[in-house]
PDB file of N, CA and C in Angstrom:
ATOM      1  N   MET A   1       0.007 246.905  40.169  1.00  0.00           N
ATOM      2  CA  MET A   1       1.322 246.199  40.910  1.00  0.00           C
ATOM      3  C   MET A   1       0.897 244.808  41.175  1.00  0.00           C
ATOM      4  N   SER A   2       1.623 243.758  40.990  1.00  0.00           N
ATOM      5  CA  SER A   2       1.464 242.388  41.151  1.00  0.00           C
ATOM      6  C   SER A   2       1.877 242.445  42.296  1.00  0.00           C
ATOM      7  N   GLU A   3       1.230 240.993  43.066  1.00  0.00           N
ATOM      8  CA  GLU A   3       1.210 240.586  44.136  1.00  0.00           C
ATOM      9  C   GLU A   3       2.901 240.554  44.628  1.00  0.00           C
ATOM     10  N   LEU A   4       3.638 240.050  43.546  1.00  0.00           N
ATOM     11  CA  LEU A   4       4.943 239.859  43.907  1.00  0.00           C
ATOM     12  C   LEU A   4       5.437 241.001  44.383  1.00  0.00           C
ATOM     13  N   GLU A   5       5.273 242.164  43.828  1.00  0.00           N
ATOM     14  CA  GLU A   5       5.832 243.654  43.948  1.00  0.00           C
ATOM     15  C   GLU A   5       5.476 243.954  45.495  1.00  0.00           C
ATOM     16  N   ARG A   6       4.660 243.656  45.747  1.00  0.00           N
ATOM     17  CA  ARG A   6       4.314 243.967  47.546  1.00  0.00           C
ATOM     18  C   ARG A   6       5.102 243.038  48.439  1.00  0.00           C
ATOM     19  N   LYS A   7       5.577 241.984  48.224  1.00  0.00           N
ATOM     20  CA  LYS A   7       6.433 241.463  48.986  1.00  0.00           C
ATOM     21  C   LYS A   7       7.808 242.308  49.275  1.00  0.00           C
ATOM     22  N   TRP A   8       8.072 242.084  50.689  1.00  0.00           N
ATOM     23  CA  TRP A   8       9.148 242.929  51.175  1.00  0.00           C
ATOM     24  C   TRP A   8      10.576 242.578  50.818  1.00  0.00           C
ATOM     25  N   TRP A   9      11.004 241.428  50.600  1.00  0.00           N
ATOM     26  CA  TRP A   9      11.734 240.804  50.151  1.00  0.00           C
ATOM     27  C   TRP A   9      12.099 241.132  48.455  1.00  0.00           C
ATOM     28  N   PHE A  10      11.085 241.040  47.683  1.00  0.00           N
ATOM     29  CA  PHE A  10      11.271 241.397  46.385  1.00  0.00           C
ATOM     30  C   PHE A  10      11.444 243.303  46.310  1.00  0.00           C
ATOM     31  N   VAL A  11      10.811 243.902  46.949  1.00  0.00           N
ATOM     32  CA  VAL A  11      11.125 245.453  47.136  1.00  0.00           C
ATOM     33  C   VAL A  11      12.513 245.692  47.667  1.00  0.00           C
ATOM     34  N   LEU A  12      12.747 244.917  48.487  1.00  0.00           N
ATOM     35  CA  LEU A  12      14.182 245.361  49.171  1.00  0.00           C
ATOM     36  C   LEU A  12      15.371 244.998  48.058  1.00  0.00           C
ATOM     37  N   ALA A  13      15.136 243.801  47.448  1.00  0.00           N
ATOM     38  CA  ALA A  13      16.141 243.397  46.266  1.00  0.00           C
ATOM     39  C   ALA A  13      16.043 244.425  45.272  1.00  0.00           C
ATOM     40  N   VAL A  14      14.957 244.746  44.715  1.00  0.00           N
ATOM     41  CA  VAL A  14      14.800 245.763  43.714  1.00  0.00           C
ATOM     42  C   VAL A  14      15.459 247.298  44.065  1.00  0.00           C
ATOM     43  N   SER A  15      15.044 247.678  45.095  1.00  0.00           N
ATOM     44  CA  SER A  15      15.421 248.903  45.446  1.00  0.00           C
ATOM     45  C   SER A  15      16.842 249.254  45.715  1.00  0.00           C
ATOM     46  N   PHE A  16      17.551 247.944  46.410  1.00  0.00           N
ATOM     47  CA  PHE A  16      18.923 247.708  46.340  1.00  0.00           C
ATOM     48  C   PHE A  16      19.645 248.028  44.962  1.00  0.00           C
ATOM     49  N   LEU A  17      19.341 247.136  44.130  1.00  0.00           N
ATOM     50  CA  LEU A  17      19.912 247.317  42.810  1.00  0.00           C
ATOM     51  C   LEU A  17      19.664 248.488  42.086  1.00  0.00           C
ATOM     52  N   THR A  18      18.345 248.856  42.030  1.00  0.00           N
ATOM     53  CA  THR A  18      18.153 250.457  41.478  1.00  0.00           C
ATOM     54  C   THR A  18      18.806 251.201  42.049  1.00  0.00           C
ATOM     55  N   THR A  19      19.248 251.354  43.355  1.00  0.00           N
ATOM     56  CA  THR A  19      19.837 252.503  44.008  1.00  0.00           C
ATOM     57  C   THR A  19      21.087 252.761  43.571  1.00  0.00           C
ATOM     58  N   PHE A  20      21.913 251.542  43.680  1.00  0.00           N
ATOM     59  CA  PHE A  20      23.290 251.345  43.037  1.00  0.00           C
ATOM     60  C   PHE A  20      23.479 251.630  41.724  1.00  0.00           C
ATOM     61  N   SER A  21      22.656 251.244  41.237  1.00  0.00           N
ATOM     62  CA  SER A  21      22.532 251.123  39.498  1.00  0.00           C
ATOM     63  C   SER A  21      22.476 252.672  39.145  1.00  0.00           C
ATOM     64  N   THR A  22      21.620 253.446  39.758  1.00  0.00           N
ATOM     65  CA  THR A  22      21.464 254.621  39.513  1.00  0.00           C
ATOM     66  C   THR A  22      22.632 255.607  39.772  1.00  0.00           C
ATOM     67  N   ILE A  23      23.167 255.358  41.047  1.00  0.00           N
ATOM     68  CA  ILE A  23      24.493 256.246  41.409  1.00  0.00           C
ATOM     69  C   ILE A  23      25.759 255.856  40.556  1.00  0.00           C
ATOM     70  N   GLY A  24      25.667 254.295  39.962  1.00  0.00           N
ATOM     71  CA  GLY A  24      26.927 254.071  39.011  1.00  0.00           C
ATOM     72  C   GLY A  24      26.596 254.804  37.746  1.00  0.00           C
ATOM     73  N   LEU A  25      25.301 254.821  37.356  1.00  0.00           N
ATOM     74  CA  LEU A  25      25.333 255.473  36.037  1.00  0.00           C
ATOM     75  C   LEU A  25      25.326 256.682  35.881  1.00  0.00           C
ATOM     76  N   LEU A  26      24.951 257.586  37.098  1.00  0.00           N
ATOM     77  CA  LEU A  26      25.333 259.182  37.181  1.00  0.00           C
ATOM     78  C   LEU A  26      26.690 259.195  37.230  1.00  0.00           C
ATOM     79  N   TYR A  27      27.465 258.518  37.930  1.00  0.00           N
ATOM     80  CA  TYR A  27      28.974 258.617  38.166  1.00  0.00           C
ATOM     81  C   TYR A  27      29.482 258.254  36.827  1.00  0.00           C
ATOM     82  N   ALA A  28      28.984 257.558  36.090  1.00  0.00           N
ATOM     83  CA  ALA A  28      29.716 256.967  34.682  1.00  0.00           C
ATOM     84  C   ALA A  28      29.121 258.286  33.671  1.00  0.00           C
ATOM     85  N   ALA A  29      28.364 258.952  33.596  1.00  0.00           N
ATOM     86  CA  ALA A  29      28.023 260.042  32.948  1.00  0.00           C
ATOM     87  C   ALA A  29      28.684 261.296  33.462  1.00  0.00           C
ATOM     88  N   GLU A  30      29.588 261.221  34.643  1.00  0.00           N
ATOM     89  CA  GLU A  30      30.326 262.371  34.985  1.00  0.00           C
ATOM     90  C   GLU A  30      29.497 263.482  35.481  1.00  0.00           C
ATOM     91  N   LEU A  31      28.206 263.208  36.360  1.00  0.00           N
ATOM     92  CA  LEU A  31      27.328 264.371  36.637  1.00  0.00           C
ATOM     93  C   LEU A  31      28.238 264.707  37.922  1.00  0.00           C
ATOM     94  N   PRO A  32      28.074 266.026  38.335  1.00  0.00           N
ATOM     95  CA  PRO A  32      28.750 266.468  39.601  1.00  0.00           C
ATOM     96  C   PRO A  32      28.324 265.888  40.705  1.00  0.00           C
ATOM     97  N   PRO A  33      28.971 265.347  41.517  1.00  0.00           N
ATOM     98  CA  PRO A  33      28.173 264.640  42.855  1.00  0.00           C
ATOM     99  C   PRO A  33      27.722 265.568  44.134  1.00  0.00           C
ATOM    100  N   PHE A  34      26.452 265.461  44.213  1.00  0.00           N
ATOM    101  CA  PHE A  34      25.832 266.161  45.467  1.00  0.00           C
ATOM    102  C   PHE A  34      25.841 267.743  45.002  1.00  0.00           C
ATOM    103  N   GLU A  35      25.773 267.979  44.053  1.00  0.00           N
ATOM    104  CA  GLU A  35      25.004 269.527  43.494  1.00  0.00           C
ATOM    105  C   GLU A  35      23.540 269.367  43.231  1.00  0.00           C
ATOM    106  N   TYR A  36      22.832 269.888  44.145  1.00  0.00           N
ATOM    107  CA  TYR A  36      21.260 269.770  44.264  1.00  0.00           C
ATOM    108  C   TYR A  36      20.372 270.731  43.307  1.00  0.00           C
ATOM    109  N   SER A  37      21.065 270.779  42.054  1.00  0.00           N
ATOM    110  CA  SER A  37      20.061 271.560  41.217  1.00  0.00           C
ATOM    111  C   SER A  37      18.685 270.814  40.773  1.00  0.00           C
ATOM    112  N   ALA A  38      17.744 271.403  40.348  1.00  0.00           N
ATOM    113  CA  ALA A  38      16.592 270.686  39.873  1.00  0.00           C
ATOM    114  C   ALA A  38      16.699 270.159  38.688  1.00  0.00           C
ATOM    115  N   ALA A  39      17.658 270.123  37.722  1.00  0.00           N
ATOM    116  CA  ALA A  39      17.792 269.544  36.648  1.00  0.00           C
ATOM    117  C   ALA A  39      18.541 268.221  36.892  1.00  0.00           C
ATOM    118  N   GLN A  40      19.323 268.228  38.045  1.00  0.00           N
ATOM    119  CA  GLN A  40      20.076 267.064  38.549  1.00  0.00           C
ATOM    120  C   GLN A  40      19.228 265.868  39.206  1.00  0.00           C
ATOM    121  N   TRP A  41      17.988 266.587  40.155  1.00  0.00           N
ATOM    122  CA  TRP A  41      17.415 265.732  40.641  1.00  0.00           C
ATOM    123  C   TRP A  41      15.996 265.123  39.579  1.00  0.00           C
ATOM    124  N   VAL A  42      15.964 265.873  38.648  1.00  0.00           N
ATOM    125  CA  VAL A  42      15.191 265.257  37.496  1.00  0.00           C
ATOM    126  C   VAL A  42      15.697 263.903  36.839  1.00  0.00           C
ATOM    127  N   VAL A  43      16.855 264.292  36.453  1.00  0.00           N
ATOM    128  CA  VAL A  43      17.758 263.328  36.131  1.00  0.00           C
ATOM    129  C   VAL A  43      18.097 262.093  36.667  1.00  0.00           C
ATOM    130  N   TRP A  44      17.945 262.224  38.173  1.00  0.00           N
ATOM    131  CA  TRP A  44      18.231 261.226  38.885  1.00  0.00           C
ATOM    132  C   TRP A  44      17.001 260.328  39.107  1.00  0.00           C
ATOM    133  N   PHE A  45      15.777 261.245  39.125  1.00  0.00           N
ATOM    134  CA  PHE A  45      14.613 260.474  39.359  1.00  0.00           C
ATOM    135  C   PHE A  45      14.059 259.998  38.135  1.00  0.00           C
ATOM    136  N   LEU A  46      14.297 260.297  37.132  1.00  0.00           N
ATOM    137  CA  LEU A  46      13.892 259.585  35.663  1.00  0.00           C
ATOM    138  C   LEU A  46      14.904 258.407  35.514  1.00  0.00           C
ATOM    139  N   CYS A  47      15.965 258.403  35.955  1.00  0.00           N
ATOM    140  CA  CYS A  47      16.973 257.134  36.068  1.00  0.00           C
ATOM    141  C   CYS A  47      16.596 256.168  36.692  1.00  0.00           C
ATOM    142  N   PHE A  48      16.196 256.596  38.092  1.00  0.00           N
ATOM    143  CA  PHE A  48      15.785 255.654  39.252  1.00  0.00           C
ATOM    144  C   PHE A  48      14.490 254.984  38.916  1.00  0.00           C
ATOM    145  N   MET A  49      13.504 255.693  38.357  1.00  0.00           N
ATOM    146  CA  MET A  49      12.035 255.031  38.046  1.00  0.00           C
ATOM    147  C   MET A  49      12.375 254.139  36.896  1.00  0.00           C
ATOM    148  N   GLY A  50      12.975 254.488  36.131  1.00  0.00           N
ATOM    149  CA  GLY A  50      13.352 253.719  34.483  1.00  0.00           C
ATOM    150  C   GLY A  50      13.916 252.396  35.210  1.00  0.00           C
ATOM    151  N   LEU A  51      15.048 252.202  35.834  1.00  0.00           N
ATOM    152  CA  LEU A  51      15.814 251.269  36.391  1.00  0.00           C
ATOM    153  C   LEU A  51      14.933 250.452  37.219  1.00  0.00           C
ATOM    154  N   GLN A  52      14.060 251.021  38.169  1.00  0.00           N
ATOM    155  CA  GLN A  52      13.233 250.253  39.006  1.00  0.00           C
ATOM    156  C   GLN A  52      12.296 249.401  38.374  1.00  0.00           C
ATOM    157  N   ARG A  53      11.522 250.013  37.348  1.00  0.00           N
ATOM    158  CA  ARG A  53      10.635 249.161  36.614  1.00  0.00           C
ATOM    159  C   ARG A  53      11.288 248.280  35.753  1.00  0.00           C
ATOM    160  N   CYS A  54      12.777 248.597  35.322  1.00  0.00           N
ATOM    161  CA  CYS A  54      13.530 247.338  34.637  1.00  0.00           C
ATOM    162  C   CYS A  54      13.960 246.347  35.680  1.00  0.00           C
ATOM    163  N   PHE A  55      14.239 246.472  36.937  1.00  0.00           N
ATOM    164  CA  PHE A  55      14.611 245.517  37.593  1.00  0.00           C
ATOM    165  C   PHE A  55      13.402 244.705  38.308  1.00  0.00           C
ATOM    166  N   SER A  56      12.482 245.164  38.394  1.00  0.00           N
ATOM    167  CA  SER A  56      11.026 244.715  38.828  1.00  0.00           C
ATOM    168  C   SER A  56      10.719 243.859  37.683  1.00  0.00           C
ATOM    169  N   PHE A  57      10.721 244.067  36.736  1.00  0.00           N
ATOM    170  CA  PHE A  57      10.316 243.246  35.384  1.00  0.00           C
ATOM    171  C   PHE A  57      11.136 242.133  35.550  1.00  0.00           C
ATOM    172  N   LEU A  58      12.505 242.375  35.354  1.00  0.00           N
ATOM    173  CA  LEU A  58      13.482 241.185  35.416  1.00  0.00           C
ATOM    174  C   LEU A  58      13.400 240.309  36.586  1.00  0.00           C
ATOM    175  N   GLY A  59      13.189 240.624  37.758  1.00  0.00           N
ATOM    176  CA  GLY A  59      12.647 239.909  38.944  1.00  0.00           C
ATOM    177  C   GLY A  59      11.701 238.967  38.767  1.00  0.00           C
ATOM    178  N   TRP A  60      10.720 239.679  37.839  1.00  0.00           N
ATOM    179  CA  TRP A  60       9.313 238.910  38.111  1.00  0.00           C
ATOM    180  C   TRP A  60       9.749 237.925  36.903  1.00  0.00           C
ATOM    181  N   LEU A  61      10.298 238.083  36.039  1.00  0.00           N
ATOM    182  CA  LEU A  61      10.673 237.128  35.169  1.00  0.00           C
ATOM    183  C   LEU A  61      11.698 235.956  35.547  1.00  0.00           C
ATOM    184  N   ALA A  62      12.430 236.425  36.362  1.00  0.00           N
ATOM    185  CA  ALA A  62      13.326 235.261  37.018  1.00  0.00           C
ATOM    186  C   ALA A  62      12.431 234.356  38.021  1.00  0.00           C
ATOM    187  N   VAL A  63      11.537 235.093  38.542  1.00  0.00           N
ATOM    188  CA  VAL A  63      10.642 234.228  39.854  1.00  0.00           C
ATOM    189  C   VAL A  63       9.416 233.495  38.868  1.00  0.00           C
ATOM    190  N   LEU A  64       9.288 234.124  37.760  1.00  0.00           N
ATOM    191  CA  LEU A  64       8.497 233.106  36.803  1.00  0.00           C
ATOM    192  C   LEU A  64       9.288 231.824  36.257  1.00  0.00           C
ATOM    193  N   LEU A  65      10.425 232.122  35.718  1.00  0.00           N
ATOM    194  CA  LEU A  65      10.975 231.193  35.407  1.00  0.00           C
ATOM    195  C   LEU A  65      11.652 229.667  36.188  1.00  0.00           C
ATOM    196  N   ILE A  66      11.552 230.315  37.522  1.00  0.00           N
ATOM    197  CA  ILE A  66      12.330 229.460  38.899  1.00  0.00           C
ATOM    198  C   ILE A  66      11.172 228.712  39.509  1.00  0.00           C
ATOM    199  N   SER A  67      10.261 229.522  39.725  1.00  0.00           N
ATOM    200  CA  SER A  67       8.918 229.121  40.442  1.00  0.00           C
ATOM    201  C   SER A  67       7.536 229.454  39.861  1.00  0.00           C
ATOM    202  N   PRO A  68       7.090 228.914  38.982  1.00  0.00           N
ATOM    203  CA  PRO A  68       5.853 229.807  38.231  1.00  0.00           C
ATOM    204  C   PRO A  68       4.650 229.635  39.100  1.00  0.00           C
ATOM    205  N   LYS A  69       4.572 228.749  40.093  1.00  0.00           N
ATOM    206  CA  LYS A  69       3.564 228.636  40.878  1.00  0.00           C
ATOM    207  C   LYS A  69       3.423 229.702  41.879  1.00  0.00           C
ATOM    208  N   THR A  70       4.699 230.500  42.257  1.00  0.00           N
ATOM    209  CA  THR A  70       4.566 231.571  42.976  1.00  0.00           C
ATOM    210  C   THR A  70       3.586 232.853  42.623  1.00  0.00           C
ATOM    211  N   ILE A  71       3.916 232.914  41.017  1.00  0.00           N
ATOM    212  CA  ILE A  71       3.093 234.045  40.552  1.00  0.00           C
ATOM    213  C   ILE A  71       1.561 233.717  40.257  1.00  0.00           C
ATOM    214  N   LYS A  72       0.710 234.550  40.978  1.00  0.00           N
ATOM    215  CA  LYS A  72      -0.788 233.990  40.950  1.00  0.00           C
ATOM    216  C   LYS A  72      -1.432 234.633  39.687  1.00  0.00           C
ATOM    217  N   VAL A  73      -2.402 234.073  38.943  1.00  0.00           N
ATOM    218  CA  VAL A  73      -2.834 234.601  37.870  1.00  0.00           C
ATOM    219  C   VAL A  73      -3.852 235.657  38.354  1.00  0.00           C
ATOM    220  N   GLU A  74      -3.834 236.983  38.199  1.00  0.00           N
ATOM    221  CA  GLU A  74      -4.540 237.988  38.568  1.00  0.00           C
ATOM    222  C   GLU A  74      -5.800 238.255  37.503  1.00  0.00           C
ATOM    223  N   ARG A  75      -7.114 238.305  37.703  1.00  0.00           N
ATOM    224  CA  ARG A  75      -8.077 238.415  37.199  1.00  0.00           C
ATOM    225  C   ARG A  75      -8.595 239.857  37.080  1.00  0.00           C
ATOM    226  N   ALA A  76      -8.948 240.347  36.096  1.00  0.00           N
ATOM    227  CA  ALA A  76      -9.590 241.841  36.085  1.00  0.00           C
ATOM    228  C   ALA A  76     -11.115 241.856  36.613  1.00  0.00           C
TER     229      ALA A  76
END
């Protein structure tokens, strides 16, 4: 996890986009709303985690393009 991903404003923006995108995708896939079967929770979780990583990466790229000095080089 990068230093940027620990910032509260970055986590808030990524979480907001991820939650609403997941709900929209599951609605578009015509999954029945609020039926709490194990299979539906697994699909929701996998969709949520995939989108969360995608939005996190896109946000990191956006910050890199806008202000490269914000992202510090991490050394192993």
